[in-house]
C-alpha cells in the first residue's frame, strides 16, 4: 500500500458566503470520512489564506505564498494500492467550487 495526499482547493469567497451549498459540502466531508475510514489516515481543514504566514529566504511575511483564486483549503492523507485506486477515492471528495490534487507521498530512505 502507498500513501497519497489529496489536496483540496476551493474558492474561499464561496466558503465565506456559506449557505446551503457550503453546509452540504461540510456534511459530505463527514460522510466521506465514514465511507473511507479504512483508507483515510488523517486530514484537516485549513484556516483561510488570510491567516497564513510565509517564510522565504528567512524573511517572514503575513499572508499566503501566492495569491490565487482557488486556495488550499484542506487535505486527506489516504492509503491505496496504487494511483488508480487513490484517484477513485479522491473523485469522491466533496468540493464547493474547486477541485482536488492527488500526490504520492515520497518515501525517503
N, C-alpha and C. Protein backbone atom coordinates (compact mmCIF):
# COMPACT_ATOMS: atom_id res chain seq x y z
N UNK A 1 0.84 -1.19 0.00
CA UNK A 1 0.00 0.00 0.00
C UNK A 1 0.88 1.24 0.00
N UNK A 2 0.45 2.23 -0.73
CA UNK A 2 1.16 3.50 -0.80
C UNK A 2 0.30 4.60 -0.18
N UNK A 3 0.94 5.68 0.21
CA UNK A 3 0.21 6.81 0.77
C UNK A 3 0.12 7.93 -0.27
N UNK A 4 -1.00 8.62 -0.27
CA UNK A 4 -1.25 9.73 -1.19
C UNK A 4 -1.85 10.88 -0.39
N UNK A 5 -1.45 12.08 -0.75
CA UNK A 5 -2.05 13.27 -0.16
C UNK A 5 -3.06 13.82 -1.15
N UNK A 6 -4.28 13.96 -0.70
CA UNK A 6 -5.35 14.53 -1.52
C UNK A 6 -5.52 15.98 -1.06
N UNK A 7 -5.08 16.91 -1.90
CA UNK A 7 -5.13 18.33 -1.57
C UNK A 7 -6.43 18.91 -2.12
N UNK A 8 -7.15 19.61 -1.27
CA UNK A 8 -8.46 20.15 -1.65
C UNK A 8 -8.35 21.65 -1.85
N UNK A 9 -8.62 22.10 -3.06
CA UNK A 9 -8.56 23.52 -3.40
C UNK A 9 -9.97 24.04 -3.57
N UNK A 10 -10.23 25.19 -2.97
CA UNK A 10 -11.56 25.79 -3.02
C UNK A 10 -11.47 27.30 -3.25
N UNK A 11 -12.56 27.85 -3.70
CA UNK A 11 -12.72 29.30 -3.81
C UNK A 11 -13.13 29.79 -2.42
N UNK A 12 -12.22 30.52 -1.76
CA UNK A 12 -12.50 30.96 -0.39
C UNK A 12 -13.73 31.86 -0.30
N UNK A 13 -13.99 32.63 -1.33
CA UNK A 13 -15.17 33.51 -1.30
C UNK A 13 -16.45 32.69 -1.25
N UNK A 14 -16.47 31.57 -1.95
CA UNK A 14 -17.66 30.70 -1.91
C UNK A 14 -17.88 30.14 -0.51
N UNK A 15 -16.78 29.75 0.15
CA UNK A 15 -16.90 29.25 1.52
C UNK A 15 -17.33 30.37 2.46
N UNK A 16 -16.76 31.54 2.29
CA UNK A 16 -17.10 32.67 3.17
C UNK A 16 -18.57 33.03 3.05
N UNK A 17 -19.13 32.85 1.85
CA UNK A 17 -20.54 33.15 1.63
C UNK A 17 -21.44 32.17 2.38
N UNK A 18 -20.91 30.97 2.64
CA UNK A 18 -21.68 29.97 3.38
C UNK A 18 -22.92 29.53 2.63
N UNK A 19 -23.98 29.32 3.35
CA UNK A 19 -25.24 28.93 2.75
C UNK A 19 -25.42 27.43 2.65
N UNK A 20 -26.52 27.01 2.06
CA UNK A 20 -26.85 25.59 1.98
C UNK A 20 -25.80 24.75 1.23
N UNK A 21 -25.21 25.31 0.19
CA UNK A 21 -24.22 24.55 -0.58
C UNK A 21 -22.99 24.24 0.27
N UNK A 22 -22.49 25.23 1.00
CA UNK A 22 -21.32 25.02 1.87
C UNK A 22 -21.66 24.03 2.98
N UNK A 23 -22.86 24.13 3.51
CA UNK A 23 -23.28 23.20 4.56
C UNK A 23 -23.36 21.77 4.02
N UNK A 24 -23.85 21.62 2.80
CA UNK A 24 -23.94 20.30 2.18
C UNK A 24 -22.55 19.70 1.96
N UNK A 25 -21.59 20.53 1.55
CA UNK A 25 -20.23 20.03 1.34
C UNK A 25 -19.61 19.63 2.67
N UNK A 26 -19.85 20.40 3.71
CA UNK A 26 -19.34 20.04 5.04
C UNK A 26 -19.89 18.69 5.49
N UNK A 27 -21.17 18.48 5.29
CA UNK A 27 -21.78 17.19 5.61
C UNK A 27 -21.20 16.10 4.72
N UNK A 28 -20.91 16.45 3.48
CA UNK A 28 -20.30 15.49 2.56
C UNK A 28 -18.94 15.01 3.02
N UNK A 29 -18.17 15.90 3.66
CA UNK A 29 -16.87 15.50 4.19
C UNK A 29 -17.03 14.51 5.34
N UNK A 30 -18.02 14.72 6.18
CA UNK A 30 -18.27 13.77 7.27
C UNK A 30 -18.63 12.41 6.70
N UNK A 31 -19.47 12.41 5.67
CA UNK A 31 -19.86 11.16 5.02
C UNK A 31 -18.66 10.50 4.33
N UNK A 32 -17.85 11.29 3.65
CA UNK A 32 -16.64 10.77 3.00
C UNK A 32 -15.75 10.09 4.04
N UNK A 33 -15.56 10.72 5.18
CA UNK A 33 -14.74 10.16 6.23
C UNK A 33 -15.27 8.83 6.74
N UNK A 34 -16.60 8.74 6.89
CA UNK A 34 -17.20 7.47 7.34
C UNK A 34 -17.05 6.38 6.28
N UNK A 35 -17.32 6.73 5.03
CA UNK A 35 -17.28 5.74 3.95
C UNK A 35 -15.87 5.24 3.66
N UNK A 36 -14.86 6.06 3.93
CA UNK A 36 -13.48 5.69 3.59
C UNK A 36 -12.59 5.61 4.83
N UNK A 37 -13.19 5.31 5.98
CA UNK A 37 -12.44 5.28 7.23
C UNK A 37 -11.26 4.31 7.18
N UNK A 38 -11.38 3.24 6.41
CA UNK A 38 -10.31 2.25 6.36
C UNK A 38 -9.08 2.72 5.59
N UNK A 39 -9.22 3.75 4.77
CA UNK A 39 -8.07 4.23 3.99
C UNK A 39 -7.65 5.66 4.33
N UNK A 40 -8.49 6.40 5.04
CA UNK A 40 -8.14 7.76 5.43
C UNK A 40 -7.29 7.69 6.69
N UNK A 41 -6.02 8.09 6.56
CA UNK A 41 -5.09 8.06 7.68
C UNK A 41 -5.12 9.36 8.49
N UNK A 42 -5.62 10.42 7.88
CA UNK A 42 -5.71 11.71 8.55
C UNK A 42 -6.21 12.76 7.58
N UNK A 43 -6.41 13.95 8.10
CA UNK A 43 -6.85 15.06 7.27
C UNK A 43 -7.32 16.20 8.13
N UNK A 44 -7.35 17.36 7.55
CA UNK A 44 -7.80 18.56 8.26
C UNK A 44 -8.27 19.61 7.27
N UNK A 45 -9.16 20.47 7.73
CA UNK A 45 -9.49 21.69 7.02
C UNK A 45 -8.51 22.76 7.50
N UNK A 46 -8.22 23.70 6.65
CA UNK A 46 -7.28 24.77 6.99
C UNK A 46 -8.00 26.09 7.17
N UNK A 47 -7.45 26.95 8.00
CA UNK A 47 -7.97 28.31 8.15
C UNK A 47 -7.78 29.05 6.81
N UNK A 48 -8.51 30.13 6.57
CA UNK A 48 -8.37 30.88 5.32
C UNK A 48 -6.94 31.39 5.09
N UNK A 49 -6.61 31.68 3.85
CA UNK A 49 -5.26 32.11 3.50
C UNK A 49 -4.86 33.40 4.19
N UNK A 50 -5.81 34.21 4.59
CA UNK A 50 -5.50 35.43 5.32
C UNK A 50 -4.81 35.18 6.65
N UNK A 51 -4.89 33.95 7.15
CA UNK A 51 -4.23 33.61 8.41
C UNK A 51 -2.83 33.05 8.19
N UNK A 52 -2.44 32.90 6.93
CA UNK A 52 -1.14 32.28 6.61
C UNK A 52 0.03 33.22 6.91
N UNK A 53 1.15 32.61 7.21
CA UNK A 53 2.42 33.31 7.35
C UNK A 53 3.41 32.61 6.44
N UNK A 54 4.12 33.35 5.63
CA UNK A 54 5.05 32.77 4.66
C UNK A 54 6.48 33.10 5.05
N UNK A 55 7.35 32.13 4.88
CA UNK A 55 8.78 32.34 5.11
C UNK A 55 9.51 32.05 3.81
N UNK A 56 10.26 33.01 3.32
CA UNK A 56 11.02 32.84 2.09
C UNK A 56 12.40 33.45 2.32
N UNK A 57 13.42 32.63 2.10
CA UNK A 57 14.80 33.08 2.32
C UNK A 57 14.99 33.67 3.72
N UNK A 58 14.31 33.08 4.70
CA UNK A 58 14.45 33.52 6.07
C UNK A 58 13.64 34.75 6.44
N UNK A 59 12.93 35.33 5.49
CA UNK A 59 12.11 36.52 5.74
C UNK A 59 10.67 36.09 5.97
N UNK A 60 10.09 36.53 7.08
CA UNK A 60 8.73 36.18 7.45
C UNK A 60 7.78 37.30 7.01
N UNK A 61 6.72 36.92 6.29
CA UNK A 61 5.71 37.90 5.87
C UNK A 61 4.32 37.36 6.16
N UNK A 62 3.38 38.24 6.37
CA UNK A 62 2.00 37.84 6.57
C UNK A 62 1.38 37.51 5.21
N UNK A 63 0.49 36.55 5.23
CA UNK A 63 -0.25 36.23 4.02
C UNK A 63 0.25 34.96 3.35
N UNK A 64 -0.49 34.52 2.34
CA UNK A 64 -0.16 33.27 1.66
C UNK A 64 1.06 33.40 0.75
N UNK A 65 1.57 32.25 0.34
CA UNK A 65 2.72 32.18 -0.56
C UNK A 65 2.41 32.86 -1.89
N UNK A 66 1.21 32.62 -2.40
CA UNK A 66 0.80 33.21 -3.69
C UNK A 66 -0.67 33.57 -3.63
N UNK A 67 -1.04 34.59 -4.35
CA UNK A 67 -2.45 34.97 -4.45
C UNK A 67 -3.07 34.16 -5.60
N UNK A 68 -4.13 33.42 -5.30
CA UNK A 68 -4.80 32.62 -6.31
C UNK A 68 -6.30 32.67 -6.08
N UNK A 69 -7.05 32.30 -7.11
CA UNK A 69 -8.50 32.25 -6.95
C UNK A 69 -8.89 31.06 -6.08
N UNK A 70 -8.27 29.92 -6.33
CA UNK A 70 -8.52 28.74 -5.51
C UNK A 70 -7.34 28.53 -4.57
N UNK A 71 -7.64 28.32 -3.31
CA UNK A 71 -6.59 28.16 -2.30
C UNK A 71 -6.69 26.78 -1.67
N UNK A 72 -5.56 26.31 -1.15
CA UNK A 72 -5.55 25.04 -0.43
C UNK A 72 -6.41 25.19 0.82
N UNK A 73 -7.47 24.42 0.88
CA UNK A 73 -8.41 24.54 1.98
C UNK A 73 -8.39 23.38 2.95
N UNK A 74 -7.73 22.29 2.55
CA UNK A 74 -7.66 21.13 3.42
C UNK A 74 -7.03 19.97 2.69
N UNK A 75 -6.95 18.84 3.38
CA UNK A 75 -6.30 17.68 2.80
C UNK A 75 -6.76 16.40 3.50
N UNK A 76 -6.57 15.30 2.80
CA UNK A 76 -6.69 13.97 3.37
C UNK A 76 -5.41 13.22 3.06
N UNK A 77 -4.93 12.45 4.01
CA UNK A 77 -3.84 11.51 3.77
C UNK A 77 -4.51 10.15 3.66
N UNK A 78 -4.37 9.51 2.49
CA UNK A 78 -5.03 8.23 2.28
C UNK A 78 -4.00 7.15 1.95
N UNK A 79 -4.43 5.92 2.09
CA UNK A 79 -3.61 4.78 1.73
C UNK A 79 -4.35 4.02 0.64
N UNK A 80 -3.64 3.67 -0.43
CA UNK A 80 -4.27 2.98 -1.56
C UNK A 80 -3.28 2.01 -2.19
N UNK A 81 -3.82 1.04 -2.90
CA UNK A 81 -2.97 0.05 -3.57
C UNK A 81 -2.11 0.69 -4.65
N UNK A 82 -2.68 1.67 -5.36
CA UNK A 82 -1.97 2.31 -6.46
C UNK A 82 -2.65 3.64 -6.78
N UNK A 83 -2.10 4.35 -7.75
CA UNK A 83 -2.65 5.66 -8.12
C UNK A 83 -4.09 5.55 -8.61
N UNK A 84 -4.41 4.52 -9.35
CA UNK A 84 -5.78 4.37 -9.85
C UNK A 84 -6.78 4.29 -8.69
N UNK A 85 -6.45 3.52 -7.66
CA UNK A 85 -7.35 3.44 -6.52
C UNK A 85 -7.40 4.77 -5.77
N UNK A 86 -6.26 5.44 -5.64
CA UNK A 86 -6.23 6.75 -4.97
C UNK A 86 -7.11 7.75 -5.72
N UNK A 87 -7.04 7.73 -7.05
CA UNK A 87 -7.87 8.65 -7.84
C UNK A 87 -9.35 8.33 -7.70
N UNK A 88 -9.69 7.05 -7.64
CA UNK A 88 -11.09 6.67 -7.47
C UNK A 88 -11.62 7.19 -6.13
N UNK A 89 -10.81 7.10 -5.10
CA UNK A 89 -11.21 7.61 -3.78
C UNK A 89 -11.31 9.14 -3.82
N UNK A 90 -10.31 9.79 -4.41
CA UNK A 90 -10.27 11.25 -4.46
C UNK A 90 -11.43 11.84 -5.25
N UNK A 91 -11.94 11.13 -6.22
CA UNK A 91 -13.09 11.61 -7.00
C UNK A 91 -14.32 11.79 -6.13
N UNK A 92 -14.34 11.14 -4.97
CA UNK A 92 -15.49 11.22 -4.07
C UNK A 92 -15.36 12.34 -3.03
N UNK A 93 -14.24 13.04 -3.02
CA UNK A 93 -14.05 14.15 -2.07
C UNK A 93 -14.98 15.29 -2.49
N UNK A 94 -15.85 15.73 -1.60
CA UNK A 94 -16.76 16.82 -1.96
C UNK A 94 -16.04 18.16 -2.06
N UNK A 95 -16.43 18.95 -3.02
CA UNK A 95 -15.91 20.31 -3.17
C UNK A 95 -17.06 21.25 -3.43
N UNK A 96 -16.88 22.50 -3.05
CA UNK A 96 -17.91 23.51 -3.25
C UNK A 96 -17.73 24.18 -4.60
N UNK A 97 -16.54 24.71 -4.83
CA UNK A 97 -16.27 25.42 -6.08
C UNK A 97 -14.80 25.27 -6.43
N UNK A 98 -14.30 24.05 -6.37
CA UNK A 98 -12.88 23.83 -6.60
C UNK A 98 -12.60 22.44 -7.10
N UNK A 99 -11.44 21.93 -6.75
CA UNK A 99 -11.04 20.61 -7.20
C UNK A 99 -10.04 20.01 -6.23
N UNK A 100 -9.57 18.82 -6.56
CA UNK A 100 -8.60 18.14 -5.73
C UNK A 100 -7.38 17.76 -6.55
N UNK A 101 -6.26 17.66 -5.88
CA UNK A 101 -5.00 17.23 -6.47
C UNK A 101 -4.52 16.02 -5.67
N UNK A 102 -4.07 14.99 -6.36
CA UNK A 102 -3.58 13.78 -5.70
C UNK A 102 -2.08 13.66 -5.95
N UNK A 103 -1.33 13.52 -4.86
CA UNK A 103 0.13 13.41 -4.99
C UNK A 103 0.62 12.27 -4.11
N UNK A 104 1.45 11.39 -4.69
CA UNK A 104 2.02 10.33 -3.88
C UNK A 104 3.00 10.88 -2.85
N UNK A 105 3.00 10.25 -1.68
CA UNK A 105 3.95 10.64 -0.63
C UNK A 105 5.30 10.02 -0.99
N UNK A 106 6.32 10.81 -0.94
CA UNK A 106 7.68 10.35 -1.24
C UNK A 106 8.24 9.61 -0.04
N UNK A 107 8.67 8.40 -0.27
CA UNK A 107 9.27 7.60 0.80
C UNK A 107 10.77 7.77 0.70
N UNK A 108 11.36 8.31 1.74
CA UNK A 108 12.80 8.54 1.76
C UNK A 108 13.50 7.38 2.45
N UNK A 109 14.67 7.04 1.93
CA UNK A 109 15.47 6.01 2.58
C UNK A 109 15.32 4.68 2.05
